[in-house]
C-alpha atoms as a PDB file:
ATOM      1  CA  MET A   1     -36.154-124.188 -37.170  1.00  0.00           C
ATOM      2  CA  LYS A   2     -37.014-120.792 -38.343  1.00  0.00           C
ATOM      3  CA  ALA A   3     -36.250-119.406 -34.892  1.00  0.00           C
ATOM      4  CA  ASN A   4     -32.773-120.960 -34.978  1.00  0.00           C
ATOM      5  CA  GLU A   5     -32.067-119.450 -38.359  1.00  0.00           C
ATOM      6  CA  GLU A   6     -33.097-116.007 -37.131  1.00  0.00           C
ATOM      7  CA  LEU A   7     -30.903-116.417 -34.071  1.00  0.00           C
ATOM      8  CA  ALA A   8     -27.996-117.485 -36.256  1.00  0.00           C
ATOM      9  CA  PHE A   9     -28.611-114.535 -38.556  1.00  0.00           C
ATOM     10  CA  GLN A  10     -28.635-112.207 -35.563  1.00  0.00           C
ATOM     11  CA  ASN A  11     -25.393-113.690 -34.328  1.00  0.00           C
ATOM     12  CA  VAL A  12     -23.839-113.212 -37.759  1.00  0.00           C
ATOM     13  CA  GLU A  13     -25.031-109.632 -37.762  1.00  0.00           C
ATOM     14  CA  LYS A  14     -23.553-109.091 -34.307  1.00  0.00           C
ATOM     15  CA  ALA A  15     -20.278-110.652 -35.428  1.00  0.00           C
ATOM     16  CA  LYS A  16     -20.330-108.465 -38.541  1.00  0.00           C
ATOM     17  CA  ARG A  17     -20.924-105.338 -36.513  1.00  0.00           C
ATOM     18  CA  ALA A  18     -18.232-106.432 -34.062  1.00  0.00           C
ATOM     19  CA  ALA A  19     -15.871-106.963 -36.967  1.00  0.00           C
ATOM     20  CA  GLU A  20     -16.792-103.591 -38.434  1.00  0.00           C
ATOM     21  CA  LEU A  21     -16.282-102.049 -35.015  1.00  0.00           C
ATOM     22  CA  VAL A  22     -12.853-103.708 -34.787  1.00  0.00           C
ATOM     23  CA  ILE A  23     -12.013-102.478 -38.272  1.00  0.00           C
ATOM     24  CA  ALA A  24     -13.201 -98.987 -37.341  1.00  0.00           C
ATOM     25  CA  ASN A  25     -11.063 -99.102 -34.206  1.00  0.00           C
ATOM     26  CA  ILE A  26      -8.099-100.298 -36.245  1.00  0.00           C
ATOM     27  CA  GLU A  27      -8.618 -97.496 -38.765  1.00  0.00           C
ATOM     28  CA  LEU A  28      -8.945 -94.999 -35.899  1.00  0.00           C
ATOM     29  CA  ALA A  29      -5.790 -96.365 -34.327  1.00  0.00           C
ATOM     30  CA  PHE A  30      -4.040 -96.095 -37.693  1.00  0.00           C
ATOM     31  CA  GLN A  31      -5.252 -92.535 -38.107  1.00  0.00           C
ATOM     32  CA  ASN A  32      -4.036 -91.737 -34.585  1.00  0.00           C
ATOM     33  CA  ALA A  33      -0.705 -93.333 -35.391  1.00  0.00           C
ATOM     34  CA  GLU A  34      -0.480 -91.229 -38.552  1.00  0.00           C
ATOM     35  CA  LYS A  35      -1.312 -88.105 -36.555  1.00  0.00           C
ATOM     36  CA  GLU A  36       1.308 -89.001 -33.976  1.00  0.00           C
ATOM     37  CA  LYS A  37       3.801 -89.680 -36.788  1.00  0.00           C
ATOM     38  CA  ARG A  38       3.071 -86.311 -38.396  1.00  0.00           C
ATOM     39  CA  ALA A  39       3.274 -84.644 -34.978  1.00  0.00           C
ATOM     40  CA  ALA A  40       6.639 -86.344 -34.359  1.00  0.00           C
ATOM     41  CA  GLU A  41       7.797 -85.288 -37.815  1.00  0.00           C
ATOM     42  CA  LEU A  42       6.733 -81.702 -37.033  1.00  0.00           C
ATOM     43  CA  VAL A  43       8.635 -81.843 -33.758  1.00  0.00           C
ATOM     44  CA  ILE A  44      11.696 -83.203 -35.567  1.00  0.00           C
ATOM     45  CA  ALA A  45      11.301 -80.527 -38.244  1.00  0.00           C
ATOM     46  CA  LYS A  46      11.058 -77.847 -35.553  1.00  0.00           C
ATOM     47  CA  GLU A  47      14.092 -79.277 -33.795  1.00  0.00           C
ATOM     48  CA  GLU A  48      16.008 -79.311 -37.101  1.00  0.00           C
ATOM     49  CA  LYS A  49      14.878 -75.743 -37.744  1.00  0.00           C
ATOM     50  CA  ALA A  50      15.929 -74.724 -34.227  1.00  0.00           C
ATOM     51  CA  LYS A  51      19.239 -76.573 -34.728  1.00  0.00           C
ATOM     52  CA  ARG A  52      19.865 -74.739 -38.036  1.00  0.00           C
ATOM     53  CA  ALA A  53      18.915 -71.455 -36.362  1.00  0.00           C
ATOM     54  CA  ALA A  54      21.347 -72.196 -33.520  1.00  0.00           C
ATOM     55  CA  GLU A  55      24.037 -73.082 -36.059  1.00  0.00           C
ATOM     56  CA  LEU A  56      23.334 -69.816 -37.868  1.00  0.00           C
ATOM     57  CA  VAL A  57      23.613 -67.934 -34.556  1.00  0.00           C
ATOM     58  CA  ILE A  58      26.884 -69.721 -33.781  1.00  0.00           C
ATOM     59  CA  ALA A  59      28.152 -69.006 -37.296  1.00  0.00           C
ATOM     60  CA  SER A  60      27.153 -65.354 -36.910  1.00  0.00           C
ATOM     61  CA  GLU A  61      28.884 -65.169 -33.532  1.00  0.00           C
ATOM     62  CA  GLU A  62      31.992 -66.792 -35.012  1.00  0.00           C
ATOM     63  CA  LYS A  63      31.871 -64.283 -37.870  1.00  0.00           C
ATOM     64  CA  GLU A  64      31.517 -61.400 -35.417  1.00  0.00           C
ATOM     65  CA  LYS A  65      34.328 -62.880 -33.317  1.00  0.00           C
ATOM     66  CA  ARG A  66      36.612 -63.100 -36.366  1.00  0.00           C
ATOM     67  CA  ALA A  67      35.623 -59.549 -37.341  1.00  0.00           C
ATOM     68  CA  ALA A  68      36.430 -58.364 -33.799  1.00  0.00           C
ATOM     69  CA  GLU A  69      39.757 -60.213 -33.931  1.00  0.00           C
ATOM     70  CA  LEU A  70      40.517 -58.539 -37.272  1.00  0.00           C
ATOM     71  CA  VAL A  71      39.658 -55.145 -35.750  1.00  0.00           C
ATOM     72  CA  ILE A  72      41.899 -55.863 -32.735  1.00  0.00           C
ATOM     73  CA  ALA A  73      44.690 -57.069 -35.036  1.00  0.00           C
ATOM     74  CA  SER A  74      44.288 -53.906 -37.139  1.00  0.00           C
ATOM     75  CA  GLU A  75      44.374 -51.728 -34.014  1.00  0.00           C
ATOM     76  CA  GLU A  76      47.492 -53.578 -32.780  1.00  0.00           C
ATOM     77  CA  LYS A  77      49.091 -53.073 -36.181  1.00  0.00           C
ATOM     78  CA  GLU A  78      48.230 -49.367 -36.090  1.00  0.00           C
ATOM     79  CA  LYS A  79      49.526 -49.164 -32.523  1.00  0.00           C
ATOM     80  CA  ARG A  80      52.835 -50.786 -33.507  1.00  0.00           C
ATOM     81  CA  ALA A  81      53.053 -48.463 -36.519  1.00  0.00           C
ATOM     82  CA  ALA A  82      52.432 -45.455 -34.247  1.00  0.00           C
ATOM     83  CA  GLU A  83      55.064 -46.742 -31.804  1.00  0.00           C
ATOM     84  CA  LEU A  84      57.529 -47.100 -34.693  1.00  0.00           C
ATOM     85  CA  VAL A  85      56.748 -43.549 -35.808  1.00  0.00           C
ATOM     86  CA  ILE A  86      57.272 -42.277 -32.243  1.00  0.00           C
ATOM     87  CA  ALA A  87      60.496 -44.297 -31.927  1.00  0.00           C
ATOM     88  CA  ASN A  88      61.753 -42.873 -35.233  1.00  0.00           C
ATOM     89  CA  GLU A  89      60.832 -39.353 -34.124  1.00  0.00           C
ATOM     90  CA  GLU A  90      62.681 -39.888 -30.826  1.00  0.00           C
ATOM     91  CA  LYS A  91      65.658 -41.268 -32.722  1.00  0.00           C
ATOM     92  CA  GLU A  92      65.645 -38.286 -35.085  1.00  0.00           C
ATOM     93  CA  LYS A  93      65.237 -35.928 -32.115  1.00  0.00           C
ATOM     94  CA  ARG A  94      68.223 -37.484 -30.317  1.00  0.00           C
ATOM     95  CA  ALA A  95      70.254 -37.337 -33.533  1.00  0.00           C
ATOM     96  CA  ALA A  96      69.338 -33.660 -33.966  1.00  0.00           C
ATOM     97  CA  GLU A  97      70.228 -32.947 -30.329  1.00  0.00           C
ATOM     98  CA  LEU A  98      73.532 -34.762 -30.773  1.00  0.00           C
ATOM     99  CA  ILE A  99      74.276 -32.740 -33.909  1.00  0.00           C
ATOM    100  CA  THR A 100      73.340 -29.543 -32.040  1.00  0.00           C
ATOM    101  CA  VAL A 101      75.643 -30.473 -29.157  1.00  0.00           C
ATOM    102  CA  LYS A 102      78.471 -31.315 -31.552  1.00  0.00           C
ATOM    103  CA  VAL A 103      77.970 -28.070 -33.481  1.00  0.00           C
ATOM    104  CA  ALA A 104      77.879 -26.064 -30.235  1.00  0.00           C
ATOM    105  CA  ALA A 105      80.986 -27.844 -28.944  1.00  0.00           C
ATOM    106  CA  LYS A 106      82.789 -27.235 -32.235  1.00  0.00           C
ATOM    107  CA  ALA A 107      81.711 -23.573 -32.214  1.00  0.00           C
ATOM    108  CA  ALA A 108      82.919 -23.189 -28.613  1.00  0.00           C
ATOM    109  CA  GLU A 109      86.183 -24.896 -29.514  1.00  0.00           C
ATOM    110  CA  LEU A 110      86.678 -22.581 -32.495  1.00  0.00           C
ATOM    111  CA  ALA A 111      85.763 -19.536 -30.374  1.00  0.00           C
ATOM    112  CA  ASN A 112      88.256 -20.531 -27.679  1.00  0.00           C
ATOM    113  CA  ALA A 113      90.915 -21.166 -30.287  1.00  0.00           C
ATOM    114  CA  ALA A 114      90.233 -17.767 -31.872  1.00  0.00           C
ATOM    115  CA  LYS A 115      90.354 -16.076 -28.462  1.00  0.00           C
ATOM    116  CA  SER A 116      93.586 -17.844 -27.526  1.00  0.00           C
ATOM    117  CA  ASN A 117      95.137 -16.880 -30.860  1.00  0.00           C
ATOM    118  CA  PHE A 118      94.034 -13.264 -30.346  1.00  0.00           C
ATOM    119  CA  LEU A 119      95.484 -13.159 -26.820  1.00  0.00           C
ATOM    120  CA  THR A 120      98.741 -14.670 -28.025  1.00  0.00           C
ATOM    121  CA  MET A 121      98.978 -12.205 -30.899  1.00  0.00           C
ATOM    122  CA  MET A 122      98.155  -9.178 -28.699  1.00  0.00           C
ATOM    123  CA  SER A 123     100.625 -10.329 -26.060  1.00  0.00           C
ATOM    124  CA  HIS A 124     103.412 -10.457 -28.625  1.00  0.00           C
ATOM    125  CA  GLU A 125     102.323  -7.157 -30.196  1.00  0.00           C
ATOM    126  CA  LEU A 126     102.353  -5.384 -26.803  1.00  0.00           C
ATOM    127  CA  ARG A 127     105.586  -6.991 -25.662  1.00  0.00           C
ATOM    128  CA  THR A 128     107.588  -5.367 -28.488  1.00  0.00           C
ATOM    129  CA  PRO A 129     106.908  -1.683 -27.581  1.00  0.00           C
ATOM    130  CA  MET A 130     107.140  -2.534 -23.868  1.00  0.00           C
ATOM    131  CA  ASN A 131     110.605  -3.967 -24.415  1.00  0.00           C
ATOM    132  CA  GLY A 132     111.469  -0.681 -26.146  1.00  0.00           C
ATOM    133  CA  VAL A 133     110.256   1.278 -23.099  1.00  0.00           C
ATOM    134  CA  LEU A 134     112.312  -0.937 -20.768  1.00  0.00           C
ATOM    135  CA  GLY A 135     115.386  -0.627 -22.984  1.00  0.00           C
ATOM    136  CA  ALA A 136     115.085   3.159 -22.975  1.00  0.00           C
ATOM    137  CA  ALA A 137     114.675   3.182 -19.179  1.00  0.00           C
ATOM    138  CA  GLN A 138     117.747   0.960 -18.750  1.00  0.00           C
ATOM    139  CA  ILE A 139     119.792   3.379 -20.914  1.00  0.00           C
ATOM    140  CA  LEU A 140     118.368   6.322 -18.986  1.00  0.00           C
ATOM    141  CA  LYS A 141     119.584   4.740 -15.724  1.00  0.00           C
ATOM    142  CA  HIS A 142     123.154   5.205 -16.903  1.00  0.00           C
ATOM    143  CA  GLU A 143     122.707   8.926 -17.446  1.00  0.00           C
ATOM    144  CA  ASP A 144     123.528  11.604 -14.854  1.00  0.00           C
ATOM    145  CA  LEU A 145     120.218  11.639 -12.940  1.00  0.00           C
ATOM    146  CA  ASN A 146     119.281  13.193  -9.651  1.00  0.00           C
ATOM    147  CA  GLN A 147     117.698  11.072  -6.936  1.00  0.00           C
ATOM    148  CA  SER A 148     114.098  11.861  -7.916  1.00  0.00           C
ATOM    149  CA  GLN A 149     114.733  11.145 -11.570  1.00  0.00           C
ATOM    150  CA  ASN A 150     116.526   7.938 -10.641  1.00  0.00           C
ATOM    151  CA  ASP A 151     113.528   6.845  -8.515  1.00  0.00           C
ATOM    152  CA  TRP A 152     111.146   7.529 -11.378  1.00  0.00           C
ATOM    153  CA  CYS A 153     113.358   5.572 -13.690  1.00  0.00           C
ATOM    154  CA  ASP A 154     113.290   2.659 -11.263  1.00  0.00           C
ATOM    155  CA  ILE A 155     109.495   2.868 -11.184  1.00  0.00           C
ATOM    156  CA  ILE A 156     109.413   2.730 -15.008  1.00  0.00           C
ATOM    157  CA  ILE A 157     111.649  -0.327 -15.028  1.00  0.00           C
ATOM    158  CA  VAL A 158     109.794  -2.129 -12.235  1.00  0.00           C
ATOM    159  CA  SER A 159     106.372  -1.306 -13.721  1.00  0.00           C
ATOM    160  CA  GLY A 160     107.537  -2.270 -17.206  1.00  0.00           C
ATOM    161  CA  ASN A 161     108.812  -5.608 -15.953  1.00  0.00           C
ATOM    162  CA  ALA A 162     105.492  -6.110 -14.163  1.00  0.00           C
ATOM    163  CA  LEU A 163     103.603  -5.359 -17.388  1.00  0.00           C
ATOM    164  CA  VAL A 164     105.831  -7.798 -19.259  1.00  0.00           C
ATOM    165  CA  GLN A 165     104.904 -10.377 -16.637  1.00  0.00           C
ATOM    166  CA  ILE A 166     101.209  -9.577 -17.192  1.00  0.00           C
ATOM    167  CA  LEU A 167     101.707 -10.179 -20.905  1.00  0.00           C
ATOM    168  CA  THR A 168     103.330 -13.486 -19.994  1.00  0.00           C
ATOM    169  CA  ASP A 169     100.295 -14.226 -17.819  1.00  0.00           C
ATOM    170  CA  ILE A 170      98.051 -13.583 -20.818  1.00  0.00           C
ATOM    171  CA  LEU A 171     100.002 -16.230 -22.678  1.00  0.00           C
ATOM    172  CA  ASP A 172      99.589 -18.471 -19.625  1.00  0.00           C
ATOM    173  CA  LEU A 173      95.817 -17.881 -19.831  1.00  0.00           C
ATOM    174  CA  SER A 174      95.904 -19.188 -23.371  1.00  0.00           C
ATOM    175  CA  LYS A 175      97.774 -22.219 -22.062  1.00  0.00           C
ATOM    176  CA  ILE A 176      95.161 -22.711 -19.320  1.00  0.00           C
ATOM    177  CA  GLU A 177      92.318 -22.670 -21.849  1.00  0.00           C
ATOM    178  CA  ALA A 178      94.270 -25.122 -23.978  1.00  0.00           C
ATOM    179  CA  GLY A 179      94.737 -27.366 -20.916  1.00  0.00           C
ATOM    180  CA  LYS A 180      98.485 -26.724 -20.784  1.00  0.00           C
ATOM    181  CA  GLU A 181      98.722 -24.848 -17.474  1.00  0.00           C
ATOM    182  CA  SER A 182     101.939 -25.401 -15.559  1.00  0.00           C
ATOM    183  CA  VAL A 183     103.277 -24.346 -12.160  1.00  0.00           C
ATOM    184  CA  ASN A 184     106.852 -23.132 -11.940  1.00  0.00           C
ATOM    185  CA  ILE A 185     108.089 -23.935  -8.428  1.00  0.00           C
ATOM    186  CA  ARG A 186     111.225 -22.043  -7.410  1.00  0.00           C
ATOM    187  CA  PRO A 187     112.646 -19.957  -4.536  1.00  0.00           C
ATOM    188  CA  PHE A 188     111.284 -16.402  -4.325  1.00  0.00           C
ATOM    189  CA  SER A 189     110.939 -13.415  -2.017  1.00  0.00           C
ATOM    190  CA  LEU A 190     107.408 -12.494  -0.962  1.00  0.00           C
ATOM    191  CA  ARG A 191     108.521  -8.941  -0.206  1.00  0.00           C
ATOM    192  CA  LYS A 192     109.860  -8.628  -3.761  1.00  0.00           C
ATOM    193  CA  VAL A 193     106.546  -9.844  -5.218  1.00  0.00           C
ATOM    194  CA  ILE A 194     104.584  -7.274  -3.176  1.00  0.00           C
ATOM    195  CA  GLU A 195     107.075  -4.525  -4.039  1.00  0.00           C
ATOM    196  CA  ILE A 196     106.736  -5.158  -7.787  1.00  0.00           C
ATOM    197  CA  ASN A 197     102.926  -5.248  -7.575  1.00  0.00           C
ATOM    198  CA  ALA A 198     102.830  -2.037  -5.510  1.00  0.00           C
ATOM    199  CA  ALA A 199     105.006  -0.286  -8.097  1.00  0.00           C
ATOM    200  CA  LEU A 200     102.278  -0.875 -10.695  1.00  0.00           C
ATOM    201  CA  PHE A 201      99.936   1.404  -8.756  1.00  0.00           C
ATOM    202  CA  LEU A 202     102.550   3.932  -7.572  1.00  0.00           C
ATOM    203  CA  GLY A 203     102.215   6.243 -10.602  1.00  0.00           C
ATOM    204  CA  ALA A 204      98.394   6.382 -10.331  1.00  0.00           C
ATOM    205  CA  ALA A 205      98.645   7.000  -6.582  1.00  0.00           C
ATOM    206  CA  MET A 206     101.117   9.866  -6.996  1.00  0.00           C
ATOM    207  CA  ALA A 207      98.964  11.440  -9.740  1.00  0.00           C
ATOM    208  CA  LYS A 208      96.121  11.606  -7.210  1.00  0.00           C
ATOM    209  CA  ASN A 209      98.445  12.808  -4.432  1.00  0.00           C
ATOM    210  CA  ILE A 210      97.972   9.550  -2.521  1.00  0.00           C
ATOM    211  CA  THR A 211     100.780   7.981  -0.511  1.00  0.00           C
ATOM    212  CA  LEU A 212     100.984   4.251  -1.315  1.00  0.00           C
ATOM    213  CA  THR A 213     102.816   2.167   1.276  1.00  0.00           C
ATOM    214  CA  TRP A 214     103.056  -1.507   2.119  1.00  0.00           C
ATOM    215  CA  GLU A 215     104.738  -3.608   4.753  1.00  0.00           C
ATOM    216  CA  ALA A 216     105.369  -7.288   5.407  1.00  0.00           C
ATOM    217  CA  ASP A 217     105.176  -9.028   8.746  1.00  0.00           C
ATOM    218  CA  SER A 218     108.593  -9.667  10.251  1.00  0.00           C
ATOM    219  CA  MET A 219     107.600 -13.302  10.843  1.00  0.00           C
ATOM    220  CA  ILE A 220     107.543 -13.936   7.053  1.00  0.00           C
ATOM    221  CA  ARG A 221     110.714 -15.625   5.907  1.00  0.00           C
ATOM    222  CA  GLU A 222     112.742 -13.970   3.174  1.00  0.00           C
ATOM    223  CA  ASN A 223     113.135 -17.067   1.017  1.00  0.00           C
ATOM    224  CA  LEU A 224     110.021 -19.088   0.187  1.00  0.00           C
ATOM    225  CA  ILE A 225     109.348 -21.960  -2.256  1.00  0.00           C
ATOM    226  CA  GLY A 226     106.487 -21.715  -4.736  1.00  0.00           C
ATOM    227  CA  ASP A 227     105.337 -20.024  -7.931  1.00  0.00           C
ATOM    228  CA  PRO A 228     105.825 -16.246  -7.521  1.00  0.00           C
ATOM    229  CA  ASP A 229     104.011 -15.536 -10.807  1.00  0.00           C
ATOM    230  CA  LEU A 230     100.764 -17.217  -9.664  1.00  0.00           C
ATOM    231  CA  LEU A 231     101.112 -15.579  -6.241  1.00  0.00           C
ATOM    232  CA  SER A 232     101.532 -12.186  -7.950  1.00  0.00           C
ATOM    233  CA  LYS A 233      98.256 -12.730  -9.812  1.00  0.00           C
ATOM    234  CA  VAL A 234      96.481 -13.519  -6.542  1.00  0.00           C
ATOM    235  CA  ASP A 235      97.915 -10.424  -4.895  1.00  0.00           C
ATOM    236  CA  LEU A 236      96.877  -8.196  -7.805  1.00  0.00           C
ATOM    237  CA  PHE A 237      93.253  -9.343  -7.918  1.00  0.00           C
ATOM    238  CA  VAL A 238      92.512  -9.675  -4.187  1.00  0.00           C
END
């Protein structure tokens, strides 16, 4: 009997220790679960921290991007402002050049007008005494002259008429500059044109004891059609 009680007591003790062992294992498992929970929470916290850090990096990059865009926009604005300044300077430069051209054209126009007026005035001023010389020569022709005197008188008349024609040409020059040049087509004698031109130089030639002669080809017709005044100018300046 006593042996059975001891065996039962031992079994109870074994069961108690087994129960304590189970409880200890449960507590250990609970502790491990708590550790794993805290570890998981730490991982989550780290992930949250990493996520916030990434968000901060993204926010910083976005801020830098917006700052760069503002810089680019400012540079574009400055570029457009510079282009407007350059465009205004070019516009002002072209306006100044246009004014310069207009002023130069007006000055040239006034100078030409003044020159034409001067030539016209001088032509009229010279024509008056020349007409007096021609009138005196025409009167002298009716006097009792010997052959030599008569020839000299003819030279005065021919040369005077030629000079009158030159004065007329000066007026024509004024017309040319004014854009009013005209050609007077009519019958004329080439020999007569050359004779009148040669008479202009006859006095100077005789003063230097030079014989001045001219001749026309026999093939040239006596009567031609054209402007003898323009042809006379060509003959004088060739």
